[in-house]
Amino acid sequence: MDLKLYGYLSTLERELMAEGHDLMVPGNIEEKEDYSQRISGYMEKAIELKRSDLANYVAHRRVIIDLLEKAIQVTKSGKFNREDVIHKLIIPMICESTELRSEDTNLWLINESLAFHDFLASDKPLCSMASIECNSNKEPDILSLTLFDNPLLVGEQTGYQTMGSVTIIEFKKPMRNDFIENVETKDPIAQALGYLNRVREGQAQKNGRPIILAENVPGFCYIIGDLTPHMINCAKMKDLKLTHDRLGYFGYNSNFNAYIEVISFDKLIITAKQRNRAFFDKLGLPTN
């Protein structure tokens, strides 16, 4: 039955697309009233169909939040899941944006704006990334580069692409509480800032053309993990401020020109539910 219904849906979508094309490029001259009626009829079909697509997408978000909430809980063995379990829920591992569809990622859990990027890499060595010339074997969990498509430049540099921002996202195992042995290995904030520096030192490019990557290009570092004593200590050492709900830390590091945010798993789930609650309520999906 599902396959049959999906077949009908595909046929309807193709017909609607063809109708929309004919509507935008009318073959014959027609009266304004007739054209208005055709637009009204098309919009009724499109709104109904897209409402169904939106309902599916909202339901998908609800399921992802539930899976994340389950993934951060202690398992039957009395242990917590590794960070790669969380990682895979948000984005597949060892891949780049050329291998991903928009529906393959759930970066909206962290920040809705992360859906807009020009290059995205997940758990790959910096030296293997197509858009960055870098000799480092370090592997950020998620690296996102955003370009300004139409930069306003002066002089001989006009026409070059400029980098808008660099985003680094690091995941940590639920309730992980390491002692400080190696600063960059055990300090997730220092780790993210280290990745940011390496990206800035590398020569970024898009479609084989150089991207102007100034040392002061804005950086955004998100560390996703529980506020264990070690994580709290790392945040305080970087002079980050506690959020009003006491579920995270945030701040700006002028030396690295980077905004840093430490987001606990509880905060990640709570804020995701709050942002989507209106949609969940509209569809009658549970919010607790």
C-alpha atoms as a PDB file:
ATOM      1  CA  MET A   1       0.000   0.000   0.000  1.00  0.00           C
ATOM      2  CA  ASP A   2       2.866   2.376   0.844  1.00  0.00           C
ATOM      3  CA  LEU A   3       4.528   1.700  -2.518  1.00  0.00           C
ATOM      4  CA  LYS A   4       1.246   2.275  -4.341  1.00  0.00           C
ATOM      5  CA  LEU A   5       0.622   5.555  -2.539  1.00  0.00           C
ATOM      6  CA  TYR A   6       4.201   6.671  -3.181  1.00  0.00           C
ATOM      7  CA  GLY A   7       3.638   5.984  -6.895  1.00  0.00           C
ATOM      8  CA  TYR A   8       0.557   8.208  -6.884  1.00  0.00           C
ATOM      9  CA  LEU A   9       2.489  10.919  -5.028  1.00  0.00           C
ATOM     10  CA  SER A  10       5.332  10.838  -7.566  1.00  0.00           C
ATOM     11  CA  THR A  11       2.860  11.119 -10.432  1.00  0.00           C
ATOM     12  CA  LEU A  12       1.133  14.053  -8.750  1.00  0.00           C
ATOM     13  CA  GLU A  13       4.444  15.838  -8.167  1.00  0.00           C
ATOM     14  CA  ARG A  14       5.476  15.405 -11.822  1.00  0.00           C
ATOM     15  CA  GLU A  15       2.121  16.699 -13.039  1.00  0.00           C
ATOM     16  CA  LEU A  16       2.323  19.680 -10.699  1.00  0.00           C
ATOM     17  CA  MET A  17       5.851  20.502 -11.885  1.00  0.00           C
ATOM     18  CA  ALA A  18       4.750  20.349 -15.529  1.00  0.00           C
ATOM     19  CA  GLU A  19       1.713  22.511 -14.769  1.00  0.00           C
ATOM     20  CA  GLY A  20       3.892  25.053 -12.983  1.00  0.00           C
ATOM     21  CA  HIS A  21       6.239  25.212 -15.985  1.00  0.00           C
ATOM     22  CA  ASP A  22       3.326  25.793 -18.351  1.00  0.00           C
ATOM     23  CA  LEU A  23       1.982  28.435 -16.006  1.00  0.00           C
ATOM     24  CA  MET A  24       5.252  30.382 -15.989  1.00  0.00           C
ATOM     25  CA  VAL A  25       5.713  29.975 -19.754  1.00  0.00           C
ATOM     26  CA  PRO A  26       2.191  30.148 -21.230  1.00  0.00           C
ATOM     27  CA  GLY A  27       1.954  28.853 -24.774  1.00  0.00           C
ATOM     28  CA  ASN A  28      -0.913  31.022 -25.923  1.00  0.00           C
ATOM     29  CA  ILE A  29      -2.180  34.501 -25.191  1.00  0.00           C
ATOM     30  CA  GLU A  30      -5.130  34.317 -22.786  1.00  0.00           C
ATOM     31  CA  GLU A  31      -7.415  36.600 -20.882  1.00  0.00           C
ATOM     32  CA  LYS A  32      -6.313  37.918 -17.506  1.00  0.00           C
ATOM     33  CA  GLU A  33      -9.296  36.254 -15.782  1.00  0.00           C
ATOM     34  CA  ASP A  34      -8.447  32.844 -17.260  1.00  0.00           C
ATOM     35  CA  TYR A  35      -4.824  33.214 -16.221  1.00  0.00           C
ATOM     36  CA  SER A  36      -5.859  34.154 -12.681  1.00  0.00           C
ATOM     37  CA  GLN A  37      -8.048  31.070 -12.451  1.00  0.00           C
ATOM     38  CA  ARG A  38      -5.184  28.858 -13.595  1.00  0.00           C
ATOM     39  CA  ILE A  39      -2.909  30.384 -10.956  1.00  0.00           C
ATOM     40  CA  SER A  40      -5.538  29.824  -8.240  1.00  0.00           C
ATOM     41  CA  GLY A  41      -6.027  26.185  -9.274  1.00  0.00           C
ATOM     42  CA  TYR A  42      -2.281  25.565  -9.357  1.00  0.00           C
ATOM     43  CA  MET A  43      -1.710  27.173  -5.956  1.00  0.00           C
ATOM     44  CA  GLU A  44      -4.436  25.042  -4.331  1.00  0.00           C
ATOM     45  CA  LYS A  45      -2.732  21.856  -5.536  1.00  0.00           C
ATOM     46  CA  ALA A  46       0.772  23.092  -4.656  1.00  0.00           C
ATOM     47  CA  ILE A  47      -0.174  24.210  -1.139  1.00  0.00           C
ATOM     48  CA  GLU A  48      -1.834  20.877  -0.369  1.00  0.00           C
ATOM     49  CA  LEU A  49       1.093  18.865  -1.689  1.00  0.00           C
ATOM     50  CA  LYS A  50       3.754  20.966   0.050  1.00  0.00           C
ATOM     51  CA  ARG A  51       1.771  20.844   3.272  1.00  0.00           C
ATOM     52  CA  SER A  52       2.197  17.064   3.116  1.00  0.00           C
ATOM     53  CA  ASP A  53       5.953  17.441   2.507  1.00  0.00           C
ATOM     54  CA  LEU A  54       6.227  19.814   5.458  1.00  0.00           C
ATOM     55  CA  ALA A  55       4.328  17.384   7.693  1.00  0.00           C
ATOM     56  CA  ASN A  56       6.777  14.611   6.767  1.00  0.00           C
ATOM     57  CA  TYR A  57       9.758  16.872   7.469  1.00  0.00           C
ATOM     58  CA  VAL A  58       8.412  18.004  10.843  1.00  0.00           C
ATOM     59  CA  ALA A  59       7.708  14.385  11.820  1.00  0.00           C
ATOM     60  CA  HIS A  60      11.289  13.540  10.820  1.00  0.00           C
ATOM     61  CA  ARG A  61      12.599  16.251  13.149  1.00  0.00           C
ATOM     62  CA  ARG A  62      10.495  14.887  15.994  1.00  0.00           C
ATOM     63  CA  VAL A  63      11.976  11.396  15.491  1.00  0.00           C
ATOM     64  CA  ILE A  64      15.560  12.722  15.334  1.00  0.00           C
ATOM     65  CA  ILE A  65      15.097  14.602  18.618  1.00  0.00           C
ATOM     66  CA  ASP A  66      13.691  11.452  20.253  1.00  0.00           C
ATOM     67  CA  LEU A  67      16.623   9.354  18.983  1.00  0.00           C
ATOM     68  CA  LEU A  68      19.119  11.915  20.280  1.00  0.00           C
ATOM     69  CA  GLU A  69      17.407  11.979  23.659  1.00  0.00           C
ATOM     70  CA  LYS A  70      17.671   8.191  23.801  1.00  0.00           C
ATOM     71  CA  ALA A  71      21.301   8.164  22.612  1.00  0.00           C
ATOM     72  CA  ILE A  72      22.578  10.320  25.498  1.00  0.00           C
ATOM     73  CA  GLN A  73      21.064   8.061  28.154  1.00  0.00           C
ATOM     74  CA  VAL A  74      23.016   5.339  29.921  1.00  0.00           C
ATOM     75  CA  THR A  75      22.824   1.968  28.140  1.00  0.00           C
ATOM     76  CA  LYS A  76      21.837  -1.399  29.633  1.00  0.00           C
ATOM     77  CA  SER A  77      25.526  -2.139  30.172  1.00  0.00           C
ATOM     78  CA  GLY A  78      25.736   0.881  32.483  1.00  0.00           C
ATOM     79  CA  LYS A  79      27.872   2.857  30.042  1.00  0.00           C
ATOM     80  CA  PHE A  80      27.191   5.817  27.777  1.00  0.00           C
ATOM     81  CA  ASN A  81      27.275   5.723  23.985  1.00  0.00           C
ATOM     82  CA  ARG A  82      30.408   6.933  22.230  1.00  0.00           C
ATOM     83  CA  GLU A  83      30.428  10.335  20.528  1.00  0.00           C
ATOM     84  CA  ASP A  84      30.211   8.756  17.062  1.00  0.00           C
ATOM     85  CA  VAL A  85      26.651   7.617  17.862  1.00  0.00           C
ATOM     86  CA  ILE A  86      25.695  11.270  18.426  1.00  0.00           C
ATOM     87  CA  HIS A  87      27.764  12.316  15.419  1.00  0.00           C
ATOM     88  CA  LYS A  88      25.922   9.988  13.015  1.00  0.00           C
ATOM     89  CA  LEU A  89      22.547  11.286  14.153  1.00  0.00           C
ATOM     90  CA  ILE A  90      23.527  14.804  13.159  1.00  0.00           C
ATOM     91  CA  ILE A  91      25.605  14.061  10.066  1.00  0.00           C
ATOM     92  CA  PRO A  92      27.152  10.940   8.459  1.00  0.00           C
ATOM     93  CA  MET A  93      30.851  10.400   9.157  1.00  0.00           C
ATOM     94  CA  ILE A  94      33.817  10.511   6.759  1.00  0.00           C
ATOM     95  CA  CYS A  95      32.145  12.468   3.983  1.00  0.00           C
ATOM     96  CA  GLU A  96      32.043  15.867   2.300  1.00  0.00           C
ATOM     97  CA  SER A  97      29.220  18.071   1.075  1.00  0.00           C
ATOM     98  CA  THR A  98      29.537  16.701  -2.471  1.00  0.00           C
ATOM     99  CA  GLU A  99      28.484  13.300  -1.112  1.00  0.00           C
ATOM    100  CA  LEU A 100      25.594  14.594   0.991  1.00  0.00           C
ATOM    101  CA  ARG A 101      22.032  15.616   0.292  1.00  0.00           C
ATOM    102  CA  SER A 102      20.437  18.314   2.419  1.00  0.00           C
ATOM    103  CA  GLU A 103      18.158  15.718   4.035  1.00  0.00           C
ATOM    104  CA  ASP A 104      21.185  13.637   5.109  1.00  0.00           C
ATOM    105  CA  THR A 105      22.173  16.166   7.752  1.00  0.00           C
ATOM    106  CA  ASN A 106      20.446  17.346  10.913  1.00  0.00           C
ATOM    107  CA  LEU A 107      22.626  20.369  11.665  1.00  0.00           C
ATOM    108  CA  TRP A 108      19.443  22.269  12.549  1.00  0.00           C
ATOM    109  CA  LEU A 109      19.780  20.604  15.963  1.00  0.00           C
ATOM    110  CA  ILE A 110      22.740  22.907  16.641  1.00  0.00           C
ATOM    111  CA  ASN A 111      21.929  25.999  14.605  1.00  0.00           C
ATOM    112  CA  GLU A 112      19.425  26.477  11.775  1.00  0.00           C
ATOM    113  CA  SER A 113      21.876  28.679   9.858  1.00  0.00           C
ATOM    114  CA  LEU A 114      24.333  25.759   9.478  1.00  0.00           C
ATOM    115  CA  ALA A 115      22.138  24.462   6.655  1.00  0.00           C
ATOM    116  CA  PHE A 116      23.606  27.263   4.506  1.00  0.00           C
ATOM    117  CA  HIS A 117      27.200  26.462   3.630  1.00  0.00           C
ATOM    118  CA  ASP A 118      29.464  26.180   0.597  1.00  0.00           C
ATOM    119  CA  PHE A 119      31.623  23.334   1.880  1.00  0.00           C
ATOM    120  CA  LEU A 120      31.019  20.785   4.601  1.00  0.00           C
ATOM    121  CA  ALA A 121      33.284  17.991   5.808  1.00  0.00           C
ATOM    122  CA  SER A 122      32.623  15.401   8.490  1.00  0.00           C
ATOM    123  CA  ASP A 123      35.358  13.502  10.333  1.00  0.00           C
ATOM    124  CA  LYS A 124      37.927  13.779   7.532  1.00  0.00           C
ATOM    125  CA  PRO A 125      41.613  14.783   7.781  1.00  0.00           C
ATOM    126  CA  LEU A 126      42.207  18.409   6.830  1.00  0.00           C
ATOM    127  CA  CYS A 127      44.812  17.312   4.271  1.00  0.00           C
ATOM    128  CA  SER A 128      42.200  15.225   2.389  1.00  0.00           C
ATOM    129  CA  MET A 129      39.593  17.978   2.005  1.00  0.00           C
ATOM    130  CA  ALA A 130      39.113  19.149  -1.549  1.00  0.00           C
ATOM    131  CA  SER A 131      38.535  22.802  -0.612  1.00  0.00           C
ATOM    132  CA  ILE A 132      41.560  23.240   1.672  1.00  0.00           C
ATOM    133  CA  GLU A 133      45.267  22.845   0.975  1.00  0.00           C
ATOM    134  CA  CYS A 134      46.596  21.765   4.360  1.00  0.00           C
ATOM    135  CA  ASN A 135      49.180  19.190   5.447  1.00  0.00           C
ATOM    136  CA  SER A 136      47.557  18.458   8.809  1.00  0.00           C
ATOM    137  CA  ASN A 137      46.098  15.007   9.525  1.00  0.00           C
ATOM    138  CA  LYS A 138      43.829  16.405  12.244  1.00  0.00           C
ATOM    139  CA  GLU A 139      40.156  15.439  11.826  1.00  0.00           C
ATOM    140  CA  PRO A 140      37.520  17.934  13.023  1.00  0.00           C
ATOM    141  CA  ASP A 141      34.153  16.317  13.660  1.00  0.00           C
ATOM    142  CA  ILE A 142      32.435  18.851  11.407  1.00  0.00           C
ATOM    143  CA  LEU A 143      33.988  21.666   9.365  1.00  0.00           C
ATOM    144  CA  SER A 144      31.771  24.150   7.539  1.00  0.00           C
ATOM    145  CA  LEU A 145      32.963  26.923   5.235  1.00  0.00           C
ATOM    146  CA  THR A 146      30.651  29.709   4.126  1.00  0.00           C
ATOM    147  CA  LEU A 147      31.449  32.036   1.241  1.00  0.00           C
ATOM    148  CA  PHE A 148      30.146  35.425   0.260  1.00  0.00           C
ATOM    149  CA  ASP A 149      28.943  34.788  -3.296  1.00  0.00           C
ATOM    150  CA  ASN A 150      28.964  38.459  -4.307  1.00  0.00           C
ATOM    151  CA  PRO A 151      31.722  40.154  -2.312  1.00  0.00           C
ATOM    152  CA  LEU A 152      32.298  43.869  -2.486  1.00  0.00           C
ATOM    153  CA  LEU A 153      36.010  44.173  -3.201  1.00  0.00           C
ATOM    154  CA  VAL A 154      38.237  47.030  -4.285  1.00  0.00           C
ATOM    155  CA  GLY A 155      41.168  47.167  -6.703  1.00  0.00           C
ATOM    156  CA  GLU A 156      42.885  44.209  -8.320  1.00  0.00           C
ATOM    157  CA  GLN A 157      41.277  41.683  -5.981  1.00  0.00           C
ATOM    158  CA  THR A 158      37.821  42.216  -7.521  1.00  0.00           C
ATOM    159  CA  GLY A 159      36.371  38.931  -8.750  1.00  0.00           C
ATOM    160  CA  TYR A 160      38.002  36.692  -6.164  1.00  0.00           C
ATOM    161  CA  GLN A 161      35.857  34.718  -3.762  1.00  0.00           C
ATOM    162  CA  THR A 162      36.030  35.702  -0.123  1.00  0.00           C
ATOM    163  CA  MET A 163      35.400  33.507   2.864  1.00  0.00           C
ATOM    164  CA  GLY A 164      32.448  34.532   5.014  1.00  0.00           C
ATOM    165  CA  SER A 165      33.051  32.299   8.029  1.00  0.00           C
ATOM    166  CA  VAL A 166      34.537  29.028   9.271  1.00  0.00           C
ATOM    167  CA  THR A 167      32.553  26.787  11.622  1.00  0.00           C
ATOM    168  CA  ILE A 168      34.057  23.971  13.685  1.00  0.00           C
ATOM    169  CA  ILE A 169      31.820  21.511  15.575  1.00  0.00           C
ATOM    170  CA  GLU A 170      33.189  19.004  18.093  1.00  0.00           C
ATOM    171  CA  PHE A 171      31.243  16.212  19.802  1.00  0.00           C
ATOM    172  CA  LYS A 172      32.179  14.623  23.108  1.00  0.00           C
ATOM    173  CA  LYS A 173      30.958  11.393  24.632  1.00  0.00           C
ATOM    174  CA  PRO A 174      28.040  11.878  27.075  1.00  0.00           C
ATOM    175  CA  MET A 175      29.320  12.440  30.621  1.00  0.00           C
ATOM    176  CA  ARG A 176      32.954  12.318  29.493  1.00  0.00           C
ATOM    177  CA  ASN A 177      35.179  13.791  32.212  1.00  0.00           C
ATOM    178  CA  ASP A 178      38.867  13.483  31.263  1.00  0.00           C
ATOM    179  CA  PHE A 179      41.712  14.857  33.305  1.00  0.00           C
ATOM    180  CA  ILE A 180      43.882  17.425  31.572  1.00  0.00           C
ATOM    181  CA  GLU A 181      46.906  15.566  30.218  1.00  0.00           C
ATOM    182  CA  ASN A 182      47.421  17.134  26.805  1.00  0.00           C
ATOM    183  CA  VAL A 183      45.866  20.579  26.355  1.00  0.00           C
ATOM    184  CA  GLU A 184      44.607  20.205  22.796  1.00  0.00           C
ATOM    185  CA  THR A 185      43.714  16.520  23.078  1.00  0.00           C
ATOM    186  CA  LYS A 186      41.770  16.778  26.332  1.00  0.00           C
ATOM    187  CA  ASP A 187      40.491  20.346  26.059  1.00  0.00           C
ATOM    188  CA  PRO A 188      37.716  20.325  23.426  1.00  0.00           C
ATOM    189  CA  ILE A 189      37.675  24.132  23.184  1.00  0.00           C
ATOM    190  CA  ALA A 190      41.435  24.292  22.524  1.00  0.00           C
ATOM    191  CA  GLN A 191      40.948  21.452  20.042  1.00  0.00           C
ATOM    192  CA  ALA A 192      38.323  23.399  18.068  1.00  0.00           C
ATOM    193  CA  LEU A 193      40.447  26.571  18.093  1.00  0.00           C
ATOM    194  CA  GLY A 194      43.416  24.523  16.884  1.00  0.00           C
ATOM    195  CA  TYR A 195      41.393  23.280  13.908  1.00  0.00           C
ATOM    196  CA  LEU A 196      40.312  26.839  13.177  1.00  0.00           C
ATOM    197  CA  ASN A 197      43.940  28.002  13.067  1.00  0.00           C
ATOM    198  CA  ARG A 198      44.939  25.182  10.720  1.00  0.00           C
ATOM    199  CA  VAL A 199      42.104  26.012   8.318  1.00  0.00           C
ATOM    200  CA  ARG A 200      43.110  29.673   8.283  1.00  0.00           C
ATOM    201  CA  GLU A 201      46.736  28.743   7.565  1.00  0.00           C
ATOM    202  CA  GLY A 202      45.716  26.460   4.688  1.00  0.00           C
ATOM    203  CA  GLN A 203      44.843  27.757   1.236  1.00  0.00           C
ATOM    204  CA  ALA A 204      41.131  27.316   0.649  1.00  0.00           C
ATOM    205  CA  GLN A 205      39.657  27.049  -2.841  1.00  0.00           C
ATOM    206  CA  LYS A 206      36.379  26.423  -4.625  1.00  0.00           C
ATOM    207  CA  ASN A 207      36.098  24.896  -8.105  1.00  0.00           C
ATOM    208  CA  GLY A 208      39.854  25.185  -8.407  1.00  0.00           C
ATOM    209  CA  ARG A 209      39.849  28.943  -7.767  1.00  0.00           C
ATOM    210  CA  PRO A 210      41.471  30.513  -4.686  1.00  0.00           C
ATOM    211  CA  ILE A 211      39.322  31.819  -1.848  1.00  0.00           C
ATOM    212  CA  ILE A 212      40.549  34.833   0.064  1.00  0.00           C
ATOM    213  CA  LEU A 213      40.911  33.472   3.584  1.00  0.00           C
ATOM    214  CA  ALA A 214      42.161  36.254   5.819  1.00  0.00           C
ATOM    215  CA  GLU A 215      43.575  35.450   9.228  1.00  0.00           C
ATOM    216  CA  ASN A 216      40.714  37.351  10.831  1.00  0.00           C
ATOM    217  CA  VAL A 217      37.893  35.553   8.980  1.00  0.00           C
ATOM    218  CA  PRO A 218      35.137  35.016  11.587  1.00  0.00           C
ATOM    219  CA  GLY A 219      35.247  31.652  13.328  1.00  0.00           C
ATOM    220  CA  PHE A 220      32.434  29.804  15.094  1.00  0.00           C
ATOM    221  CA  CYS A 221      33.261  26.907  17.410  1.00  0.00           C
ATOM    222  CA  TYR A 222      30.527  24.680  18.815  1.00  0.00           C
ATOM    223  CA  ILE A 223      31.420  22.056  21.420  1.00  0.00           C
ATOM    224  CA  ILE A 224      28.621  19.576  22.069  1.00  0.00           C
ATOM    225  CA  GLY A 225      28.984  17.673  25.329  1.00  0.00           C
ATOM    226  CA  ASP A 226      27.819  17.392  28.933  1.00  0.00           C
ATOM    227  CA  LEU A 227      28.887  20.004  31.478  1.00  0.00           C
ATOM    228  CA  THR A 228      31.152  17.725  33.470  1.00  0.00           C
ATOM    229  CA  PRO A 229      33.640  19.279  35.943  1.00  0.00           C
ATOM    230  CA  HIS A 230      36.345  19.029  33.272  1.00  0.00           C
ATOM    231  CA  MET A 231      34.200  20.732  30.599  1.00  0.00           C
ATOM    232  CA  ILE A 232      33.228  23.499  33.049  1.00  0.00           C
ATOM    233  CA  ASN A 233      36.886  24.033  33.929  1.00  0.00           C
ATOM    234  CA  CYS A 234      37.814  24.271  30.230  1.00  0.00           C
ATOM    235  CA  ALA A 235      35.045  26.846  29.671  1.00  0.00           C
ATOM    236  CA  LYS A 236      36.148  28.942  32.639  1.00  0.00           C
ATOM    237  CA  MET A 237      39.793  28.813  31.542  1.00  0.00           C
ATOM    238  CA  LYS A 238      38.669  30.377  28.233  1.00  0.00           C
ATOM    239  CA  ASP A 239      36.674  33.035  30.114  1.00  0.00           C
ATOM    240  CA  LEU A 240      33.338  31.810  28.730  1.00  0.00           C
ATOM    241  CA  LYS A 241      30.119  32.914  30.403  1.00  0.00           C
ATOM    242  CA  LEU A 242      27.439  30.621  31.796  1.00  0.00           C
ATOM    243  CA  THR A 243      24.122  30.820  29.916  1.00  0.00           C
ATOM    244  CA  HIS A 244      21.018  31.985  31.778  1.00  0.00           C
ATOM    245  CA  ASP A 245      19.628  28.424  31.899  1.00  0.00           C
ATOM    246  CA  ARG A 246      22.967  27.103  33.249  1.00  0.00           C
ATOM    247  CA  LEU A 247      23.076  24.482  30.486  1.00  0.00           C
ATOM    248  CA  GLY A 248      25.937  25.896  28.446  1.00  0.00           C
ATOM    249  CA  TYR A 249      28.720  28.454  28.070  1.00  0.00           C
ATOM    250  CA  PHE A 250      29.409  31.092  25.450  1.00  0.00           C
ATOM    251  CA  GLY A 251      31.868  33.852  24.679  1.00  0.00           C
ATOM    252  CA  TYR A 252      34.079  35.595  22.167  1.00  0.00           C
ATOM    253  CA  ASN A 253      37.830  35.004  21.964  1.00  0.00           C
ATOM    254  CA  SER A 254      39.423  38.118  20.475  1.00  0.00           C
ATOM    255  CA  ASN A 255      42.805  36.432  19.992  1.00  0.00           C
ATOM    256  CA  PHE A 256      41.247  33.866  17.647  1.00  0.00           C
ATOM    257  CA  ASN A 257      38.423  36.136  16.388  1.00  0.00           C
ATOM    258  CA  ALA A 258      36.043  33.318  17.223  1.00  0.00           C
ATOM    259  CA  TYR A 259      32.654  32.943  18.862  1.00  0.00           C
ATOM    260  CA  ILE A 260      32.650  29.861  21.099  1.00  0.00           C
ATOM    261  CA  GLU A 261      29.624  28.032  22.423  1.00  0.00           C
ATOM    262  CA  VAL A 262      29.596  24.971  24.674  1.00  0.00           C
ATOM    263  CA  ILE A 263      26.209  23.262  24.380  1.00  0.00           C
ATOM    264  CA  SER A 264      25.231  20.485  26.773  1.00  0.00           C
ATOM    265  CA  PHE A 265      23.199  17.602  25.361  1.00  0.00           C
ATOM    266  CA  ASP A 266      20.274  18.607  27.550  1.00  0.00           C
ATOM    267  CA  LYS A 267      20.360  22.148  26.143  1.00  0.00           C
ATOM    268  CA  LEU A 268      20.658  20.802  22.589  1.00  0.00           C
ATOM    269  CA  ILE A 269      17.469  18.774  23.001  1.00  0.00           C
ATOM    270  CA  ILE A 270      15.542  21.439  24.930  1.00  0.00           C
ATOM    271  CA  THR A 271      16.266  24.228  22.435  1.00  0.00           C
ATOM    272  CA  ALA A 272      15.519  21.949  19.456  1.00  0.00           C
ATOM    273  CA  LYS A 273      12.113  21.153  20.972  1.00  0.00           C
ATOM    274  CA  GLN A 274      11.421  24.820  21.687  1.00  0.00           C
ATOM    275  CA  ARG A 275      12.277  25.935  18.152  1.00  0.00           C
ATOM    276  CA  ASN A 276      10.052  23.265  16.609  1.00  0.00           C
ATOM    277  CA  ARG A 277       7.263  23.169  19.184  1.00  0.00           C
ATOM    278  CA  ALA A 278       4.819  25.246  17.112  1.00  0.00           C
ATOM    279  CA  PHE A 279       5.156  22.754  14.250  1.00  0.00           C
ATOM    280  CA  PHE A 280       4.845  19.750  16.555  1.00  0.00           C
ATOM    281  CA  ASP A 281       1.708  21.199  18.157  1.00  0.00           C
ATOM    282  CA  LYS A 282       0.201  21.896  14.741  1.00  0.00           C
ATOM    283  CA  LEU A 283       0.652  18.272  13.728  1.00  0.00           C
ATOM    284  CA  GLY A 284      -0.454  16.945  17.110  1.00  0.00           C
ATOM    285  CA  LEU A 285       2.961  15.428  17.834  1.00  0.00           C
ATOM    286  CA  PRO A 286       3.920  14.999  21.511  1.00  0.00           C
ATOM    287  CA  THR A 287       6.415  17.478  22.904  1.00  0.00           C
ATOM    288  CA  ASN A 288       7.381  15.526  26.036  1.00  0.00           C
END
